Protein backbone atom coordinates (compact mmCIF):
# COMPACT_ATOMS: atom_id res chain seq x y z
CA UNK A 1 -7.15 -5.90 -7.96
CA UNK A 2 -7.14 -7.95 -4.76
CA UNK A 3 -3.71 -7.18 -3.37
CA UNK A 4 -2.43 -4.28 -1.39
CA UNK A 5 0.51 -4.04 -3.79
CA UNK A 6 -1.92 -3.00 -6.57
CA UNK A 7 -2.80 0.08 -4.51
CA UNK A 8 0.72 1.23 -3.63
CA UNK A 9 0.37 4.78 -4.82
CA UNK A 10 -2.89 5.23 -3.04
CA UNK A 11 -1.42 3.81 0.16
CA UNK A 12 1.59 6.07 -0.15
CA UNK A 13 -0.81 8.99 -0.50
CA UNK A 14 -2.77 7.82 2.56
CA UNK A 15 0.46 7.45 4.50
CA UNK A 16 1.66 10.92 3.51
CA UNK A 17 -1.53 12.76 4.11
CA UNK A 18 -2.22 11.11 7.50
CA UNK A 19 1.41 11.65 8.51
CA UNK A 20 1.22 15.36 7.67
CA UNK A 21 -2.07 15.60 9.68
CA UNK A 22 -0.50 13.75 12.64
CA UNK A 23 2.68 15.78 12.51
CA UNK A 24 0.69 19.04 12.50
CA UNK A 25 -1.60 17.78 15.28
CA UNK A 26 1.46 16.79 17.49
CA UNK A 27 2.84 20.33 17.27
CA UNK A 28 -0.36 22.11 17.91
CA UNK A 29 0.04 22.45 21.72
CA UNK A 30 3.40 24.14 21.16
CA UNK A 31 2.23 26.83 18.64
CA UNK A 32 1.37 30.40 19.61
CA UNK A 33 -2.27 31.22 19.40
CA UNK A 34 -1.85 33.16 16.15
CA UNK A 35 -0.67 29.98 14.35
CA UNK A 36 -2.89 27.54 16.22
CA UNK A 37 -6.07 27.93 14.09
CA UNK A 38 -4.32 27.98 10.69
CA UNK A 39 -2.33 24.84 11.75
CA UNK A 40 -5.46 23.12 12.93
CA UNK A 41 -7.21 23.93 9.62
CA UNK A 42 -4.18 22.53 7.75
CA UNK A 43 -4.33 19.36 9.81
CA UNK A 44 -8.04 18.96 9.03
CA UNK A 45 -7.33 19.54 5.30
CA UNK A 46 -4.54 16.89 5.28
CA UNK A 47 -6.71 14.38 7.22
CA UNK A 48 -9.55 15.09 4.91
CA UNK A 49 -7.60 13.58 1.97
CA UNK A 50 -7.84 10.19 3.59
CA UNK A 51 -11.48 9.43 2.98
CA UNK A 52 -11.55 9.90 -0.85
CA UNK A 53 -8.43 7.85 -1.29
CA UNK A 54 -9.73 5.01 0.76
CA UNK A 55 -13.00 5.20 -1.14
CA UNK A 56 -10.94 5.03 -4.36
CA UNK A 57 -9.44 1.73 -3.17
CA UNK A 58 -12.90 0.35 -2.70
CA UNK A 59 -14.04 1.54 -6.15
CA UNK A 60 -11.06 0.02 -7.89
CA UNK A 61 -10.96 -3.22 -5.84
CA UNK A 62 -14.64 -4.15 -6.24
CA UNK A 63 -16.96 -4.81 -9.20
CA UNK A 64 -19.46 -2.03 -9.98
CA UNK A 65 -22.33 -4.01 -8.41
CA UNK A 66 -20.49 -4.44 -5.10
CA UNK A 67 -19.16 -0.87 -4.84
CA UNK A 68 -22.48 0.58 -3.50
CA UNK A 69 -22.77 -2.20 -0.94
CA UNK A 70 -19.19 -1.77 0.27
CA UNK A 71 -19.53 1.99 0.39
CA UNK A 72 -22.64 1.76 2.51
CA UNK A 73 -20.92 -0.77 4.78
CA UNK A 74 -17.92 1.48 5.10
CA UNK A 75 -20.13 4.51 6.11
CA UNK A 76 -22.01 2.45 8.60
CA UNK A 77 -18.83 1.07 10.20
CA UNK A 78 -17.42 4.59 10.26
CA UNK A 79 -20.53 5.92 11.97
CA UNK A 80 -20.98 3.06 14.48
CA UNK A 81 -17.28 2.66 15.39
CA UNK A 82 -16.05 6.25 15.31
CA UNK A 83 -18.50 9.13 14.46
CA UNK A 84 -21.06 8.24 17.08
CA UNK A 85 -18.90 7.09 20.04
CA UNK A 86 -16.03 9.47 19.53
CA UNK A 87 -17.69 12.69 20.98
CA UNK A 88 -18.80 10.71 24.00
CA UNK A 89 -15.23 9.21 24.55
CA UNK A 90 -13.64 12.58 24.07
CA UNK A 91 -16.14 14.31 26.37
CA UNK A 92 -15.83 11.62 29.02
CA UNK A 93 -12.00 11.96 28.83
CA UNK A 94 -12.32 15.66 29.28
CA UNK A 95 -14.58 15.28 32.35
CA UNK A 96 -12.56 12.44 33.87
CA UNK A 97 -9.00 13.56 33.20
CA UNK A 98 -8.36 16.92 31.61
CA UNK A 99 -8.48 18.81 28.33
CA UNK A 100 -4.80 18.07 27.71
CA UNK A 101 -5.25 14.31 28.16
CA UNK A 102 -8.19 14.42 25.82
CA UNK A 103 -6.22 16.32 23.24
CA UNK A 104 -3.38 13.91 23.55
CA UNK A 105 -5.81 10.94 23.03
CA UNK A 106 -7.11 12.52 19.85
CA UNK A 107 -3.59 13.25 18.68
CA UNK A 108 -2.58 9.60 19.47
CA UNK A 109 -5.43 8.31 17.39
CA UNK A 110 -4.27 10.42 14.41
CA UNK A 111 -0.69 9.22 14.80
CA UNK A 112 -2.01 5.58 15.10
CA UNK A 113 -3.92 5.99 11.81
CA UNK A 114 -0.75 7.39 10.08
CA UNK A 115 1.36 4.45 11.36
CA UNK A 116 -1.26 2.01 10.08
CA UNK A 117 -1.14 3.49 6.54
CA UNK A 118 2.61 3.55 6.68
CA UNK A 119 2.70 -0.17 7.59
CA UNK A 120 0.15 -1.01 4.81
CA UNK A 121 2.24 0.90 2.27
CA UNK A 122 5.45 -0.92 3.41
CA UNK A 123 3.67 -4.22 3.36
CA UNK A 124 2.53 -3.52 -0.21
CA UNK A 125 5.98 -2.63 -1.21
CA UNK A 126 7.74 -5.56 0.34
CA UNK A 127 5.21 -8.25 -0.61
CA UNK A 128 4.97 -7.27 -4.26
CA UNK A 129 6.72 -9.85 -6.43
CA UNK A 130 8.09 -7.11 -8.70
CA UNK A 131 9.68 -5.11 -6.04
CA UNK A 132 13.41 -4.67 -5.67
CA UNK A 133 13.29 -6.23 -2.21
CA UNK A 134 11.55 -9.35 -3.54
CA UNK A 135 14.03 -9.64 -6.39
CA UNK A 136 17.01 -9.24 -4.03
CA UNK A 137 15.77 -11.91 -1.64
CA UNK A 138 15.13 -14.36 -4.52
CA UNK A 139 18.52 -13.63 -6.07
CA UNK A 140 20.15 -14.53 -2.77
CA UNK A 141 18.28 -17.70 -2.51
CA UNK A 142 19.12 -18.61 -6.10
CA UNK A 143 22.75 -17.99 -5.44
CA UNK A 144 22.59 -20.09 -2.24
CA UNK A 145 21.07 -22.89 -4.30
CA UNK A 146 23.74 -22.60 -6.98
CA UNK A 147 26.45 -22.71 -4.30
CA UNK A 148 24.85 -25.73 -2.87
CA UNK A 149 24.75 -27.47 -6.31
CA UNK A 150 28.40 -26.73 -6.91
CA UNK A 151 29.23 -28.14 -3.38
CA UNK A 152 27.04 -31.22 -4.16
CA UNK A 153 28.98 -31.84 -7.46
CA UNK A 154 32.25 -32.01 -5.54
CA UNK A 155 30.94 -34.81 -3.32
CA UNK A 156 30.99 -38.52 -3.87
CA UNK A 157 27.83 -40.16 -5.45
CA UNK A 158 26.85 -41.74 -2.14
CA UNK A 159 27.07 -38.46 -0.30
CA UNK A 160 25.06 -36.73 -2.97
CA UNK A 161 22.28 -39.36 -2.62
CA UNK A 162 22.36 -39.09 1.09
CA UNK A 163 22.07 -35.26 0.95
CA UNK A 164 19.14 -35.34 -1.55
CA UNK A 165 17.36 -37.88 0.71
CA UNK A 166 17.81 -35.50 3.73
CA UNK A 167 16.69 -32.40 1.74
CA UNK A 168 13.46 -34.07 0.69
């Protein structure tokens, strides 16, 4: 599989889990203290479902010999781009601005990830040739072509030749 459309269910799962995590993270500042820690735990659990699903896409999309290399690359990118600099960025944000700004930054990143997965799932849905959207668009184009053919048959032979020349 080398197209996003072949991973639609996994992308839908990624979009749902990351959206749930983002929604819970957004409401955390407004919860009473008795609900804060259970909600934070629920947000972590929902966000934790993203990694295995993304790893599943890698395992399905690549041959067995390339899965290990891709998995190592994914872990290295995650560590270099997120795991190592994230505590520094969050700490620097807390020192420079405030705890609330830092929390909003982390929440924004979670929402951004959820939006990315939603866009990927929508892209997979609308670009797949077997989707209802794709069939609807092609049916419309076919009916437009048929209407054009009927219109062409009502014209004189010279007009038909001129129109074919212009279309090419």
